[in-house]
Amino acid sequence: YAPTGIFDTIINSLQWVADVTGSEKFEDAAETARIGKYYAVEDMLTTKPDEKYGKITMQMHYDKIAAEGQDPFTPVRATSAIANV
């Protein structure tokens, strides 16, 4: 676990160097850090507020798919693999 504030420090430092030097490499590095922060802080598995904090296990999720059919968030390969178990 690392505080997300570390991302802000890194992003701001890289952007400052890019602005001062005009370096495209540092600009790209700052953008990559912004993308990394996005993936670190955004929910990737659910959009329902009641599911955001671990009330549903992965097995429960796949059991629901097996019973009710494919959902829009789970890749088809994953559901076909779990069906063979």
N, C-alpha and C. Protein backbone atom coordinates (compact mmCIF):
# COMPACT_ATOMS: atom_id res chain seq x y z
N TYR A 1 0.84 -1.18 0.00
CA TYR A 1 0.00 0.00 0.00
C TYR A 1 0.88 1.24 0.00
N ALA A 2 0.54 2.17 -0.85
CA ALA A 2 1.24 3.46 -0.90
C ALA A 2 0.19 4.57 -1.01
N PRO A 3 0.36 5.65 -0.30
CA PRO A 3 -0.58 6.76 -0.40
C PRO A 3 -0.61 7.33 -1.82
N THR A 4 -1.80 7.67 -2.29
CA THR A 4 -1.91 8.20 -3.65
C THR A 4 -1.26 9.57 -3.80
N GLY A 5 -0.99 10.23 -2.69
CA GLY A 5 -0.28 11.50 -2.73
C GLY A 5 1.10 11.37 -3.33
N ILE A 6 1.67 10.17 -3.24
CA ILE A 6 2.98 9.94 -3.86
C ILE A 6 2.89 10.14 -5.36
N PHE A 7 1.76 9.68 -5.96
CA PHE A 7 1.56 9.90 -7.39
C PHE A 7 1.59 11.39 -7.71
N ASP A 8 0.89 12.18 -6.89
CA ASP A 8 0.83 13.63 -7.15
C ASP A 8 2.22 14.26 -7.10
N THR A 9 3.02 13.84 -6.12
CA THR A 9 4.38 14.38 -6.00
C THR A 9 5.21 14.02 -7.23
N ILE A 10 5.12 12.76 -7.64
CA ILE A 10 5.88 12.30 -8.81
C ILE A 10 5.40 13.02 -10.08
N ILE A 11 4.07 13.08 -10.25
CA ILE A 11 3.51 13.74 -11.43
C ILE A 11 3.94 15.21 -11.49
N ASN A 12 3.78 15.91 -10.37
CA ASN A 12 4.12 17.33 -10.34
C ASN A 12 5.62 17.55 -10.58
N SER A 13 6.45 16.67 -10.04
CA SER A 13 7.91 16.81 -10.25
C SER A 13 8.27 16.58 -11.71
N LEU A 14 7.73 15.52 -12.29
CA LEU A 14 8.02 15.24 -13.70
C LEU A 14 7.50 16.36 -14.60
N GLN A 15 6.30 16.87 -14.29
CA GLN A 15 5.74 17.94 -15.11
C GLN A 15 6.56 19.21 -14.98
N TRP A 16 7.06 19.49 -13.78
CA TRP A 16 7.88 20.68 -13.57
C TRP A 16 9.16 20.58 -14.41
N VAL A 17 9.81 19.41 -14.37
CA VAL A 17 11.03 19.23 -15.16
C VAL A 17 10.71 19.37 -16.65
N ALA A 18 9.58 18.81 -17.08
CA ALA A 18 9.18 18.92 -18.49
C ALA A 18 8.95 20.38 -18.87
N ASP A 19 8.31 21.13 -17.99
CA ASP A 19 8.03 22.55 -18.28
C ASP A 19 9.32 23.37 -18.33
N VAL A 20 10.23 23.10 -17.41
CA VAL A 20 11.48 23.87 -17.34
C VAL A 20 12.41 23.54 -18.50
N THR A 21 12.50 22.26 -18.82
CA THR A 21 13.46 21.84 -19.85
C THR A 21 12.85 21.72 -21.24
N GLY A 22 11.53 21.63 -21.31
CA GLY A 22 10.87 21.40 -22.58
C GLY A 22 11.05 19.98 -23.09
N SER A 23 11.42 19.08 -22.19
CA SER A 23 11.71 17.69 -22.57
C SER A 23 10.41 16.91 -22.80
N GLU A 24 10.31 16.34 -23.99
CA GLU A 24 9.15 15.52 -24.31
C GLU A 24 9.17 14.21 -23.51
N LYS A 25 10.36 13.72 -23.20
CA LYS A 25 10.48 12.49 -22.42
C LYS A 25 9.89 12.68 -21.02
N PHE A 26 10.16 13.82 -20.39
CA PHE A 26 9.59 14.07 -19.07
C PHE A 26 8.09 14.32 -19.16
N GLU A 27 7.65 14.94 -20.22
CA GLU A 27 6.20 15.14 -20.45
C GLU A 27 5.51 13.77 -20.57
N ASP A 28 6.12 12.87 -21.33
CA ASP A 28 5.58 11.51 -21.48
C ASP A 28 5.59 10.76 -20.15
N ALA A 29 6.65 10.94 -19.37
CA ALA A 29 6.74 10.28 -18.08
C ALA A 29 5.65 10.79 -17.14
N ALA A 30 5.40 12.10 -17.16
CA ALA A 30 4.33 12.67 -16.33
C ALA A 30 2.97 12.12 -16.74
N GLU A 31 2.75 11.99 -18.04
CA GLU A 31 1.48 11.44 -18.53
C GLU A 31 1.33 9.98 -18.13
N THR A 32 2.41 9.22 -18.22
CA THR A 32 2.37 7.82 -17.79
C THR A 32 2.05 7.72 -16.30
N ALA A 33 2.61 8.61 -15.50
CA ALA A 33 2.31 8.63 -14.07
C ALA A 33 0.84 8.98 -13.83
N ARG A 34 0.29 9.91 -14.63
CA ARG A 34 -1.14 10.23 -14.50
C ARG A 34 -2.01 9.01 -14.80
N ILE A 35 -1.63 8.27 -15.82
CA ILE A 35 -2.37 7.05 -16.18
C ILE A 35 -2.25 6.03 -15.04
N GLY A 36 -1.06 5.88 -14.49
CA GLY A 36 -0.87 4.97 -13.36
C GLY A 36 -1.73 5.35 -12.17
N LYS A 37 -1.81 6.65 -11.88
CA LYS A 37 -2.66 7.10 -10.78
C LYS A 37 -4.12 6.78 -11.06
N TYR A 38 -4.56 7.00 -12.28
CA TYR A 38 -5.95 6.70 -12.64
C TYR A 38 -6.27 5.24 -12.33
N TYR A 39 -5.41 4.34 -12.77
CA TYR A 39 -5.66 2.92 -12.54
C TYR A 39 -5.52 2.54 -11.07
N ALA A 40 -4.77 3.32 -10.30
CA ALA A 40 -4.63 3.04 -8.88
C ALA A 40 -5.85 3.48 -8.08
N VAL A 41 -6.55 4.52 -8.51
CA VAL A 41 -7.63 5.06 -7.68
C VAL A 41 -9.03 4.77 -8.20
N GLU A 42 -9.18 4.40 -9.46
CA GLU A 42 -10.52 4.16 -10.00
C GLU A 42 -10.95 2.71 -9.80
N ASP A 43 -12.24 2.52 -9.56
CA ASP A 43 -12.80 1.18 -9.43
C ASP A 43 -12.75 0.49 -10.78
N MET A 44 -12.26 -0.72 -10.80
CA MET A 44 -12.12 -1.45 -12.06
C MET A 44 -13.08 -2.63 -12.17
N LEU A 45 -13.62 -3.11 -11.08
CA LEU A 45 -14.43 -4.32 -11.14
C LEU A 45 -15.92 -4.09 -11.00
N THR A 46 -16.34 -2.95 -10.51
CA THR A 46 -17.77 -2.73 -10.30
C THR A 46 -18.11 -1.25 -10.43
N THR A 47 -19.36 -0.99 -10.72
CA THR A 47 -19.85 0.39 -10.71
C THR A 47 -20.94 0.57 -9.67
N LYS A 48 -21.30 -0.51 -8.98
CA LYS A 48 -22.34 -0.42 -7.95
C LYS A 48 -21.71 -0.05 -6.61
N PRO A 49 -22.20 1.02 -5.97
CA PRO A 49 -21.60 1.46 -4.70
C PRO A 49 -21.58 0.38 -3.61
N ASP A 50 -22.59 -0.48 -3.56
CA ASP A 50 -22.62 -1.50 -2.51
C ASP A 50 -21.65 -2.65 -2.76
N GLU A 51 -21.02 -2.71 -3.93
CA GLU A 51 -20.08 -3.77 -4.25
C GLU A 51 -18.62 -3.30 -4.23
N LYS A 52 -18.36 -2.06 -3.90
CA LYS A 52 -17.01 -1.51 -4.03
C LYS A 52 -16.03 -1.99 -2.97
N TYR A 53 -16.48 -2.47 -1.85
CA TYR A 53 -15.56 -2.73 -0.76
C TYR A 53 -15.54 -4.18 -0.32
N GLY A 54 -15.59 -5.11 -1.25
CA GLY A 54 -15.31 -6.49 -0.95
C GLY A 54 -16.42 -7.32 -0.37
N LYS A 55 -17.65 -6.97 -0.56
CA LYS A 55 -18.74 -7.79 -0.05
C LYS A 55 -18.98 -9.01 -0.94
N ILE A 56 -18.57 -8.93 -2.19
CA ILE A 56 -18.76 -10.03 -3.13
C ILE A 56 -17.39 -10.61 -3.48
N THR A 57 -17.23 -11.91 -3.29
CA THR A 57 -15.97 -12.54 -3.64
C THR A 57 -15.95 -12.84 -5.13
N MET A 58 -14.79 -13.13 -5.66
CA MET A 58 -14.67 -13.48 -7.07
C MET A 58 -15.49 -14.73 -7.37
N GLN A 59 -15.45 -15.71 -6.46
CA GLN A 59 -16.20 -16.94 -6.68
C GLN A 59 -17.70 -16.65 -6.72
N MET A 60 -18.19 -15.78 -5.84
CA MET A 60 -19.61 -15.41 -5.85
C MET A 60 -19.96 -14.74 -7.18
N HIS A 61 -19.06 -13.92 -7.67
CA HIS A 61 -19.28 -13.24 -8.95
C HIS A 61 -19.42 -14.25 -10.09
N TYR A 62 -18.49 -15.21 -10.15
CA TYR A 62 -18.56 -16.22 -11.21
C TYR A 62 -19.76 -17.15 -11.04
N ASP A 63 -20.13 -17.45 -9.80
CA ASP A 63 -21.33 -18.27 -9.57
C ASP A 63 -22.57 -17.56 -10.10
N LYS A 64 -22.63 -16.26 -9.91
CA LYS A 64 -23.76 -15.47 -10.42
C LYS A 64 -23.79 -15.50 -11.95
N ILE A 65 -22.63 -15.39 -12.57
CA ILE A 65 -22.56 -15.46 -14.03
C ILE A 65 -23.01 -16.84 -14.52
N ALA A 66 -22.57 -17.88 -13.80
CA ALA A 66 -22.95 -19.24 -14.19
C ALA A 66 -24.46 -19.43 -14.10
N ALA A 67 -25.08 -18.82 -13.10
CA ALA A 67 -26.53 -18.98 -12.90
C ALA A 67 -27.35 -18.05 -13.79
N GLU A 68 -26.86 -16.81 -13.98
CA GLU A 68 -27.68 -15.79 -14.66
C GLU A 68 -27.18 -15.42 -16.05
N GLY A 69 -25.98 -15.84 -16.42
CA GLY A 69 -25.45 -15.49 -17.72
C GLY A 69 -24.40 -14.39 -17.65
N GLN A 70 -23.83 -14.11 -18.80
CA GLN A 70 -22.72 -13.17 -18.93
C GLN A 70 -23.12 -11.76 -18.49
N ASP A 71 -22.19 -11.08 -17.80
CA ASP A 71 -22.39 -9.67 -17.47
C ASP A 71 -21.47 -8.83 -18.35
N PRO A 72 -21.70 -7.52 -18.43
CA PRO A 72 -20.90 -6.70 -19.35
C PRO A 72 -19.48 -6.40 -18.86
N PHE A 73 -19.13 -6.81 -17.62
CA PHE A 73 -17.84 -6.44 -17.06
C PHE A 73 -16.82 -7.58 -17.03
N THR A 74 -17.23 -8.80 -17.28
CA THR A 74 -16.33 -9.94 -17.18
C THR A 74 -16.00 -10.47 -18.57
N PRO A 75 -14.72 -10.62 -18.89
CA PRO A 75 -14.34 -11.14 -20.20
C PRO A 75 -14.89 -12.54 -20.43
N VAL A 76 -15.23 -12.83 -21.66
CA VAL A 76 -15.81 -14.13 -22.01
C VAL A 76 -14.82 -15.25 -21.71
N ARG A 77 -13.54 -15.03 -21.93
CA ARG A 77 -12.55 -16.08 -21.65
C ARG A 77 -12.60 -16.51 -20.19
N ALA A 78 -12.76 -15.54 -19.29
CA ALA A 78 -12.81 -15.87 -17.87
C ALA A 78 -14.02 -16.73 -17.54
N THR A 79 -15.15 -16.39 -18.12
CA THR A 79 -16.35 -17.17 -17.81
C THR A 79 -16.30 -18.55 -18.44
N SER A 80 -15.69 -18.69 -19.60
CA SER A 80 -15.58 -20.02 -20.20
C SER A 80 -14.60 -20.88 -19.41
N ALA A 81 -13.57 -20.28 -18.85
CA ALA A 81 -12.61 -21.04 -18.04
C ALA A 81 -13.25 -21.51 -16.76
N ILE A 82 -14.07 -20.66 -16.13
CA ILE A 82 -14.69 -21.03 -14.86
C ILE A 82 -15.78 -22.07 -15.10
N ALA A 83 -16.37 -22.09 -16.28
CA ALA A 83 -17.43 -23.08 -16.58
C ALA A 83 -16.87 -24.48 -16.66
N ASN A 84 -15.58 -24.60 -16.98
CA ASN A 84 -14.96 -25.92 -17.11
C ASN A 84 -14.47 -26.49 -15.78
N VAL A 85 -14.62 -25.72 -14.71
CA VAL A 85 -14.14 -26.16 -13.39
C VAL A 85 -15.15 -27.08 -12.75
